Amino acid sequence: MLPVTKEETDFVKGYVEAVWKEKVTFAQKMHVESILGHLHAVWDVHYDKGRLWVITNPTKGYGQDMWPSMDLRRHQA
């Protein structure tokens, strides 16, 4: 498991609860990557009706029903 601060977790939970209007039941940072000098974290977020990938910096959520893998490169031919 990747190191994570309470502030990071609270930020991701707050994003999902404010934007997606869902109560978070689980959130785990899965991956961090630097792209052009900016750190982007990928979070696995669970809520009552499903799961999201939340990517930070800028923050955006994607339903895992549409993107089952956090690494789309694996699915491209």
Protein backbone atom coordinates (compact mmCIF):
# COMPACT_ATOMS: atom_id res chain seq x y z
CA MET A 1 0.00 0.00 0.00
CA LEU A 2 1.25 3.48 -0.84
CA PRO A 3 1.85 6.05 1.89
CA VAL A 4 -1.05 8.46 2.28
CA THR A 5 -1.92 11.35 4.57
CA LYS A 6 -5.25 11.96 6.25
CA GLU A 7 -5.50 15.21 4.27
CA GLU A 8 -5.17 13.35 0.94
CA THR A 9 -7.82 10.82 1.93
CA ASP A 10 -10.16 13.54 3.20
CA PHE A 11 -9.69 15.48 -0.06
CA VAL A 12 -10.61 12.48 -2.25
CA LYS A 13 -13.57 11.54 -0.05
CA GLY A 14 -14.74 15.16 -0.06
CA TYR A 15 -14.52 15.30 -3.86
CA VAL A 16 -16.63 12.15 -4.31
CA GLU A 17 -19.19 13.22 -1.74
CA ALA A 18 -19.51 16.74 -3.19
CA VAL A 19 -19.36 15.98 -6.93
CA TRP A 20 -20.73 12.45 -7.17
CA LYS A 21 -23.14 12.88 -4.22
CA GLU A 22 -22.11 9.48 -2.83
CA LYS A 23 -20.93 8.41 0.63
CA VAL A 24 -17.43 6.89 0.41
CA THR A 25 -17.01 3.53 2.15
CA PHE A 26 -13.37 2.88 1.15
CA ALA A 27 -10.57 4.86 -0.51
CA GLN A 28 -7.06 3.64 -1.29
CA LYS A 29 -4.25 5.32 -3.22
CA MET A 30 -3.16 2.80 -5.84
CA HIS A 31 -0.57 4.55 -8.00
CA VAL A 32 1.36 7.82 -8.31
CA GLU A 33 3.01 9.01 -11.50
CA SER A 34 4.85 12.18 -12.48
CA ILE A 35 3.81 13.58 -15.85
CA LEU A 36 5.62 16.71 -17.04
CA GLY A 37 6.61 17.50 -13.47
CA HIS A 38 3.10 17.14 -11.99
CA LEU A 39 2.24 14.31 -9.62
CA HIS A 40 -0.99 12.45 -10.38
CA ALA A 41 -2.42 9.89 -7.97
CA VAL A 42 -4.92 7.17 -8.86
CA TRP A 43 -7.36 6.20 -6.11
CA ASP A 44 -9.66 3.19 -5.88
CA VAL A 45 -12.82 4.59 -4.26
CA HIS A 46 -15.80 2.48 -3.20
CA TYR A 47 -19.30 3.77 -2.43
CA ASP A 48 -22.66 2.04 -1.89
CA LYS A 49 -23.57 1.74 -5.57
CA GLY A 50 -20.18 1.11 -7.15
CA ARG A 51 -16.57 2.09 -7.52
CA LEU A 52 -14.60 4.94 -9.04
CA TRP A 53 -11.10 5.66 -10.16
CA VAL A 54 -10.31 9.13 -8.86
CA ILE A 55 -7.30 10.81 -10.45
CA THR A 56 -5.89 13.91 -8.81
CA ASN A 57 -4.22 17.07 -10.07
CA PRO A 58 -6.71 18.02 -11.46
CA THR A 59 -9.25 15.79 -9.73
CA LYS A 60 -11.65 13.73 -11.84
CA GLY A 61 -13.65 10.55 -11.19
CA TYR A 62 -14.28 7.69 -13.62
CA GLY A 63 -16.70 4.82 -13.05
CA GLN A 64 -14.96 1.47 -12.80
CA ASP A 65 -17.85 -0.14 -14.65
CA MET A 66 -16.65 1.77 -17.75
CA TRP A 67 -12.90 1.46 -17.00
CA PRO A 68 -12.25 -1.77 -15.05
CA SER A 69 -8.47 -1.24 -15.09
CA MET A 70 -6.64 1.85 -13.90
CA ASP A 71 -4.12 1.31 -16.71
CA LEU A 72 -5.87 1.74 -20.06
CA ARG A 73 -2.60 1.04 -21.89
CA ARG A 74 -3.19 -2.64 -21.13
CA HIS A 75 -6.39 -2.56 -23.20
CA GLN A 76 -5.07 -0.75 -26.25
CA ALA A 77 -3.92 -2.79 -29.21
